[in-house]
Amino acid sequence: MKTKRIWILLLAIGVLVMVMGASAEEAAPRADEVSCTASVTLLASKSVTFRCAAMFPQSSIYVESCWLEVWMSGTWMRVRELTPPSTVVTNALLFNTTKSYADKIGSGTFRVGATFNVGGHTVTRRSEQRSF
């Protein structure tokens, strides 16, 4: 009789742990539905290369917005919005384009930020800094 109670108690604890684990799993944040690798590269020519590689074909991939930041007084400051490249790829895995911003970048230490639209989901990246 005592053994039966112990088994019932262990079974109840096991069920309770499984139920709590399942509800915690449902509440856990999920990764973005689109897995991709994106990068922004500011070149010495003051051109910027935008790249994105998705894990699965996407309905479209393009740069939604981009901007210029300057290193000033120990912090990055957004100084201007840049016109994003007009390239749009459809039903594709890869996006790769370069656009010149030589007329927008002066002297100083800069980086470029960009938001990619990958099948309706957004991914934001910034380039490494470059001094001119």
N, C-alpha and C. Protein backbone atom coordinates (compact mmCIF):
# COMPACT_ATOMS: atom_id res chain seq x y z
N MET A 1 0.82 -1.19 0.00
CA MET A 1 0.00 0.00 0.00
C MET A 1 0.87 1.26 0.00
N LYS A 2 1.95 1.24 0.82
CA LYS A 2 2.85 2.38 0.89
C LYS A 2 3.57 2.57 -0.44
N THR A 3 3.97 1.48 -1.08
CA THR A 3 4.65 1.53 -2.36
C THR A 3 3.73 2.11 -3.42
N LYS A 4 2.46 1.75 -3.37
CA LYS A 4 1.49 2.26 -4.34
C LYS A 4 1.35 3.77 -4.21
N ARG A 5 1.33 4.30 -2.99
CA ARG A 5 1.24 5.75 -2.77
C ARG A 5 2.47 6.47 -3.31
N ILE A 6 3.63 5.89 -3.12
CA ILE A 6 4.86 6.50 -3.60
C ILE A 6 4.83 6.57 -5.13
N TRP A 7 4.39 5.48 -5.78
CA TRP A 7 4.30 5.47 -7.24
C TRP A 7 3.30 6.50 -7.75
N ILE A 8 2.18 6.63 -7.07
CA ILE A 8 1.17 7.62 -7.47
C ILE A 8 1.73 9.02 -7.29
N LEU A 9 2.44 9.28 -6.20
CA LEU A 9 3.04 10.58 -5.96
C LEU A 9 4.10 10.90 -7.02
N LEU A 10 4.96 9.93 -7.35
CA LEU A 10 5.98 10.14 -8.38
C LEU A 10 5.34 10.38 -9.75
N LEU A 11 4.27 9.66 -10.03
CA LEU A 11 3.57 9.85 -11.29
C LEU A 11 2.95 11.25 -11.36
N ALA A 12 2.36 11.71 -10.26
CA ALA A 12 1.75 13.04 -10.22
C ALA A 12 2.81 14.12 -10.40
N ILE A 13 3.96 13.95 -9.76
CA ILE A 13 5.05 14.92 -9.90
C ILE A 13 5.55 14.93 -11.34
N GLY A 14 5.69 13.75 -11.95
CA GLY A 14 6.12 13.67 -13.35
C GLY A 14 5.17 14.38 -14.29
N VAL A 15 3.86 14.18 -14.10
CA VAL A 15 2.86 14.85 -14.94
C VAL A 15 2.93 16.36 -14.73
N LEU A 16 3.06 16.79 -13.50
CA LEU A 16 3.15 18.22 -13.19
C LEU A 16 4.37 18.85 -13.86
N VAL A 17 5.52 18.18 -13.82
CA VAL A 17 6.73 18.70 -14.45
C VAL A 17 6.55 18.78 -15.96
N MET A 18 5.93 17.79 -16.58
CA MET A 18 5.70 17.81 -18.03
C MET A 18 4.77 18.95 -18.42
N VAL A 19 3.70 19.17 -17.64
CA VAL A 19 2.76 20.24 -17.95
C VAL A 19 3.44 21.60 -17.80
N MET A 20 4.22 21.79 -16.75
CA MET A 20 4.93 23.06 -16.55
C MET A 20 5.95 23.29 -17.66
N GLY A 21 6.65 22.25 -18.07
CA GLY A 21 7.63 22.37 -19.15
C GLY A 21 6.97 22.74 -20.46
N ALA A 22 5.83 22.16 -20.75
CA ALA A 22 5.12 22.46 -22.00
C ALA A 22 4.63 23.90 -22.02
N SER A 23 4.11 24.39 -20.90
CA SER A 23 3.62 25.77 -20.88
C SER A 23 4.78 26.76 -20.94
N ALA A 24 5.92 26.43 -20.34
CA ALA A 24 7.09 27.30 -20.42
C ALA A 24 7.62 27.34 -21.85
N GLU A 25 7.56 26.22 -22.54
CA GLU A 25 8.03 26.18 -23.93
C GLU A 25 7.17 27.04 -24.82
N GLU A 26 5.87 27.06 -24.59
CA GLU A 26 4.98 27.88 -25.39
C GLU A 26 5.24 29.36 -25.17
N ALA A 27 5.66 29.75 -23.98
CA ALA A 27 5.89 31.15 -23.66
C ALA A 27 7.27 31.62 -24.08
N ALA A 28 8.17 30.69 -24.39
CA ALA A 28 9.53 31.07 -24.76
C ALA A 28 9.54 31.82 -26.08
N PRO A 29 10.38 32.86 -26.18
CA PRO A 29 10.45 33.60 -27.44
C PRO A 29 11.00 32.71 -28.55
N ARG A 30 10.50 32.93 -29.73
CA ARG A 30 10.92 32.14 -30.89
C ARG A 30 11.85 33.00 -31.76
N ALA A 31 12.73 32.34 -32.46
CA ALA A 31 13.59 33.05 -33.41
C ALA A 31 12.75 33.58 -34.55
N ASP A 32 13.27 34.57 -35.24
CA ASP A 32 12.57 35.12 -36.39
C ASP A 32 12.30 34.01 -37.40
N GLU A 33 11.17 34.13 -38.09
CA GLU A 33 10.77 33.11 -39.05
C GLU A 33 11.73 33.04 -40.23
N VAL A 34 12.48 34.10 -40.48
CA VAL A 34 13.41 34.13 -41.60
C VAL A 34 14.83 34.11 -41.05
N SER A 35 15.56 33.08 -41.39
CA SER A 35 16.97 33.02 -41.01
C SER A 35 17.79 33.51 -42.20
N CYS A 36 18.61 34.52 -41.95
CA CYS A 36 19.44 35.04 -43.02
C CYS A 36 20.70 35.65 -42.44
N THR A 37 21.67 35.78 -43.29
CA THR A 37 22.90 36.48 -42.96
C THR A 37 22.93 37.74 -43.80
N ALA A 38 23.03 38.87 -43.14
CA ALA A 38 23.04 40.15 -43.85
C ALA A 38 24.26 40.95 -43.43
N SER A 39 24.79 41.74 -44.37
CA SER A 39 25.94 42.58 -44.05
C SER A 39 25.91 43.86 -44.87
N VAL A 40 26.54 44.88 -44.29
CA VAL A 40 26.70 46.18 -44.94
C VAL A 40 28.19 46.50 -44.87
N THR A 41 28.79 46.82 -46.02
CA THR A 41 30.23 47.09 -46.05
C THR A 41 30.47 48.46 -46.68
N LEU A 42 31.09 49.36 -45.91
CA LEU A 42 31.47 50.68 -46.40
C LEU A 42 32.88 50.57 -46.99
N LEU A 43 32.99 50.83 -48.29
CA LEU A 43 34.26 50.67 -49.00
C LEU A 43 35.07 51.96 -49.01
N ALA A 44 36.35 51.84 -49.32
CA ALA A 44 37.24 53.01 -49.38
C ALA A 44 36.79 54.01 -50.44
N SER A 45 36.07 53.55 -51.45
CA SER A 45 35.57 54.42 -52.52
C SER A 45 34.31 55.19 -52.12
N LYS A 46 33.86 54.99 -50.88
CA LYS A 46 32.62 55.57 -50.34
C LYS A 46 31.38 54.95 -50.99
N SER A 47 31.56 53.78 -51.55
CA SER A 47 30.43 52.97 -52.00
C SER A 47 30.09 52.01 -50.88
N VAL A 48 28.87 51.48 -50.91
CA VAL A 48 28.42 50.55 -49.89
C VAL A 48 27.92 49.29 -50.57
N THR A 49 28.38 48.15 -50.07
CA THR A 49 27.89 46.86 -50.56
C THR A 49 26.89 46.31 -49.55
N PHE A 50 25.73 45.93 -50.06
CA PHE A 50 24.65 45.35 -49.25
C PHE A 50 24.51 43.89 -49.66
N ARG A 51 24.59 42.98 -48.68
CA ARG A 51 24.48 41.55 -48.99
C ARG A 51 23.51 40.90 -48.01
N CYS A 52 22.75 39.94 -48.54
CA CYS A 52 21.85 39.16 -47.69
C CYS A 52 21.72 37.77 -48.29
N ALA A 53 21.86 36.76 -47.46
CA ALA A 53 21.69 35.37 -47.88
C ALA A 53 20.66 34.72 -46.96
N ALA A 54 19.55 34.29 -47.53
CA ALA A 54 18.48 33.67 -46.76
C ALA A 54 18.64 32.15 -46.78
N MET A 55 18.11 31.49 -45.77
CA MET A 55 18.18 30.03 -45.71
C MET A 55 17.21 29.38 -46.69
N PHE A 56 16.11 30.07 -46.98
CA PHE A 56 15.08 29.55 -47.88
C PHE A 56 14.72 30.63 -48.89
N PRO A 57 14.26 30.27 -50.08
CA PRO A 57 13.87 31.29 -51.06
C PRO A 57 12.82 32.24 -50.48
N GLN A 58 13.01 33.53 -50.76
CA GLN A 58 12.11 34.57 -50.24
C GLN A 58 11.35 35.21 -51.39
N SER A 59 10.14 35.65 -51.11
CA SER A 59 9.33 36.30 -52.15
C SER A 59 10.03 37.55 -52.68
N SER A 60 10.72 38.27 -51.79
CA SER A 60 11.52 39.43 -52.22
C SER A 60 12.56 39.74 -51.15
N ILE A 61 13.67 40.30 -51.60
CA ILE A 61 14.71 40.80 -50.70
C ILE A 61 15.16 42.15 -51.25
N TYR A 62 15.18 43.16 -50.38
CA TYR A 62 15.64 44.49 -50.80
C TYR A 62 16.03 45.30 -49.58
N VAL A 63 16.70 46.43 -49.81
CA VAL A 63 17.07 47.34 -48.72
C VAL A 63 15.92 48.33 -48.57
N GLU A 64 15.30 48.29 -47.41
CA GLU A 64 14.14 49.14 -47.12
C GLU A 64 14.56 50.57 -46.81
N SER A 65 15.63 50.70 -46.02
CA SER A 65 16.13 52.04 -45.66
C SER A 65 17.61 51.94 -45.33
N CYS A 66 18.31 53.06 -45.45
CA CYS A 66 19.71 53.10 -45.03
C CYS A 66 20.05 54.53 -44.59
N TRP A 67 21.09 54.64 -43.79
CA TRP A 67 21.44 55.92 -43.20
C TRP A 67 22.94 55.98 -42.93
N LEU A 68 23.42 57.20 -42.75
CA LEU A 68 24.82 57.45 -42.48
C LEU A 68 24.98 57.89 -41.03
N GLU A 69 25.96 57.30 -40.35
CA GLU A 69 26.28 57.69 -38.97
C GLU A 69 27.72 58.17 -38.93
N VAL A 70 27.99 59.16 -38.07
CA VAL A 70 29.35 59.69 -37.90
C VAL A 70 29.74 59.55 -36.43
N TRP A 71 31.02 59.27 -36.19
CA TRP A 71 31.56 59.17 -34.84
C TRP A 71 31.88 60.58 -34.38
N MET A 72 31.16 61.04 -33.34
CA MET A 72 31.31 62.42 -32.89
C MET A 72 31.23 62.47 -31.36
N SER A 73 32.24 63.02 -30.76
CA SER A 73 32.29 63.19 -29.30
C SER A 73 32.07 61.87 -28.56
N GLY A 74 32.66 60.79 -29.09
CA GLY A 74 32.60 59.50 -28.42
C GLY A 74 31.32 58.72 -28.61
N THR A 75 30.50 59.11 -29.56
CA THR A 75 29.26 58.38 -29.80
C THR A 75 28.89 58.41 -31.29
N TRP A 76 28.10 57.44 -31.71
CA TRP A 76 27.62 57.41 -33.09
C TRP A 76 26.37 58.27 -33.20
N MET A 77 26.35 59.16 -34.21
CA MET A 77 25.20 60.02 -34.43
C MET A 77 24.72 59.84 -35.87
N ARG A 78 23.42 59.65 -36.03
CA ARG A 78 22.84 59.55 -37.37
C ARG A 78 22.81 60.94 -37.97
N VAL A 79 23.47 61.10 -39.11
CA VAL A 79 23.56 62.43 -39.70
C VAL A 79 22.68 62.62 -40.93
N ARG A 80 22.35 61.54 -41.63
CA ARG A 80 21.46 61.69 -42.78
C ARG A 80 20.91 60.35 -43.23
N GLU A 81 19.72 60.44 -43.79
CA GLU A 81 19.11 59.28 -44.45
C GLU A 81 19.72 59.18 -45.84
N LEU A 82 19.99 57.98 -46.28
CA LEU A 82 20.53 57.75 -47.62
C LEU A 82 19.45 57.08 -48.46
N THR A 83 19.48 57.32 -49.75
CA THR A 83 18.55 56.66 -50.65
C THR A 83 18.99 55.21 -50.80
N PRO A 84 18.11 54.26 -50.46
CA PRO A 84 18.52 52.86 -50.58
C PRO A 84 18.67 52.45 -52.05
N PRO A 85 19.45 51.42 -52.31
CA PRO A 85 19.56 50.95 -53.68
C PRO A 85 18.20 50.47 -54.18
N SER A 86 17.98 50.58 -55.48
CA SER A 86 16.68 50.22 -56.05
C SER A 86 16.56 48.73 -56.38
N THR A 87 17.63 47.98 -56.18
CA THR A 87 17.63 46.56 -56.51
C THR A 87 16.64 45.79 -55.64
N VAL A 88 15.82 44.96 -56.28
CA VAL A 88 14.91 44.05 -55.59
C VAL A 88 15.06 42.69 -56.26
N VAL A 89 15.32 41.66 -55.46
CA VAL A 89 15.35 40.31 -56.02
C VAL A 89 14.09 39.58 -55.57
N THR A 90 13.54 38.75 -56.43
CA THR A 90 12.32 38.02 -56.11
C THR A 90 12.56 36.52 -56.24
N ASN A 91 11.86 35.77 -55.39
CA ASN A 91 11.98 34.31 -55.37
C ASN A 91 13.44 33.88 -55.36
N ALA A 92 14.18 34.43 -54.41
CA ALA A 92 15.63 34.22 -54.40
C ALA A 92 16.14 33.98 -52.98
N LEU A 93 17.36 33.46 -52.93
CA LEU A 93 18.08 33.26 -51.67
C LEU A 93 19.09 34.37 -51.42
N LEU A 94 19.63 34.95 -52.49
CA LEU A 94 20.76 35.88 -52.37
C LEU A 94 20.43 37.28 -52.88
N PHE A 95 20.94 38.27 -52.15
CA PHE A 95 20.83 39.67 -52.54
C PHE A 95 22.23 40.25 -52.44
N ASN A 96 22.68 40.95 -53.48
CA ASN A 96 24.02 41.54 -53.46
C ASN A 96 24.02 42.73 -54.40
N THR A 97 24.23 43.93 -53.86
CA THR A 97 24.28 45.13 -54.69
C THR A 97 25.21 46.15 -54.05
N THR A 98 25.71 47.06 -54.87
CA THR A 98 26.60 48.12 -54.40
C THR A 98 26.07 49.45 -54.91
N LYS A 99 26.13 50.46 -54.06
CA LYS A 99 25.70 51.80 -54.45
C LYS A 99 26.72 52.81 -53.94
N SER A 100 27.02 53.81 -54.75
CA SER A 100 27.97 54.86 -54.36
C SER A 100 27.26 55.95 -53.57
N TYR A 101 27.91 56.35 -52.47
CA TYR A 101 27.44 57.49 -51.67
C TYR A 101 28.58 58.50 -51.53
N ALA A 102 29.47 58.56 -52.53
CA ALA A 102 30.63 59.45 -52.48
C ALA A 102 30.23 60.91 -52.31
N ASP A 103 29.10 61.29 -52.86
CA ASP A 103 28.65 62.68 -52.75
C ASP A 103 27.98 62.98 -51.40
N LYS A 104 27.76 61.95 -50.58
CA LYS A 104 27.08 62.13 -49.28
C LYS A 104 28.03 62.00 -48.09
N ILE A 105 29.23 61.44 -48.32
CA ILE A 105 30.16 61.17 -47.23
C ILE A 105 31.34 62.11 -47.35
N GLY A 106 31.60 62.87 -46.28
CA GLY A 106 32.72 63.81 -46.27
C GLY A 106 33.92 63.25 -45.56
N SER A 107 34.54 64.08 -44.72
CA SER A 107 35.70 63.67 -43.93
C SER A 107 35.26 63.32 -42.52
N GLY A 108 35.89 62.30 -41.97
CA GLY A 108 35.55 61.87 -40.61
C GLY A 108 35.50 60.36 -40.54
N THR A 109 34.96 59.85 -39.44
CA THR A 109 34.80 58.42 -39.25
C THR A 109 33.32 58.09 -39.36
N PHE A 110 32.98 57.22 -40.31
CA PHE A 110 31.59 56.94 -40.63
C PHE A 110 31.28 55.44 -40.60
N ARG A 111 30.00 55.14 -40.51
CA ARG A 111 29.48 53.80 -40.77
C ARG A 111 28.10 53.97 -41.38
N VAL A 112 27.64 52.93 -42.05
CA VAL A 112 26.32 52.96 -42.70
C VAL A 112 25.45 51.89 -42.09
N GLY A 113 24.21 52.25 -41.80
CA GLY A 113 23.23 51.29 -41.30
C GLY A 113 22.21 51.02 -42.39
N ALA A 114 21.64 49.82 -42.37
CA ALA A 114 20.62 49.47 -43.37
C ALA A 114 19.62 48.49 -42.77
N THR A 115 18.39 48.63 -43.21
CA THR A 115 17.34 47.67 -42.86
C THR A 115 16.94 46.94 -44.12
N PHE A 116 17.13 45.64 -44.10
CA PHE A 116 16.75 44.77 -45.21
C PHE A 116 15.33 44.28 -44.99
N ASN A 117 14.57 44.15 -46.06
CA ASN A 117 13.28 43.50 -46.01
C ASN A 117 13.46 42.14 -46.67
N VAL A 118 13.29 41.10 -45.89
CA VAL A 118 13.52 39.73 -46.36
C VAL A 118 12.19 38.98 -46.26
N GLY A 119 11.49 38.91 -47.37
CA GLY A 119 10.20 38.22 -47.37
C GLY A 119 9.19 38.81 -46.40
N GLY A 120 9.25 40.12 -46.21
CA GLY A 120 8.32 40.79 -45.30
C GLY A 120 8.82 40.95 -43.88
N HIS A 121 9.96 40.38 -43.56
CA HIS A 121 10.57 40.53 -42.24
C HIS A 121 11.77 41.45 -42.35
N THR A 122 12.04 42.23 -41.31
CA THR A 122 13.14 43.19 -41.39
C THR A 122 14.35 42.73 -40.57
N VAL A 123 15.52 43.04 -41.12
CA VAL A 123 16.80 42.73 -40.49
C VAL A 123 17.66 43.99 -40.62
N THR A 124 18.19 44.48 -39.50
CA THR A 124 19.00 45.70 -39.51
C THR A 124 20.46 45.37 -39.22
N ARG A 125 21.34 45.94 -40.01
CA ARG A 125 22.78 45.75 -39.84
C ARG A 125 23.49 47.08 -40.03
N ARG A 126 24.72 47.17 -39.45
CA ARG A 126 25.57 48.34 -39.63
C ARG A 126 26.94 47.88 -40.12
N SER A 127 27.57 48.73 -40.91
CA SER A 127 28.91 48.42 -41.40
C SER A 127 29.93 48.65 -40.29
N GLU A 128 31.15 48.17 -40.54
CA GLU A 128 32.27 48.54 -39.69
C GLU A 128 32.58 50.01 -39.98
N GLN A 129 33.22 50.66 -39.05
CA GLN A 129 33.56 52.07 -39.27
C GLN A 129 34.70 52.21 -40.28
N ARG A 130 34.72 53.37 -40.93
CA ARG A 130 35.80 53.68 -41.88
C ARG A 130 36.07 55.17 -41.79
N SER A 131 37.34 55.53 -41.77
CA SER A 131 37.73 56.94 -41.72
C SER A 131 38.15 57.45 -43.08
N PHE A 132 37.73 58.66 -43.39
CA PHE A 132 38.05 59.31 -44.67
C PHE A 132 38.71 60.65 -44.41
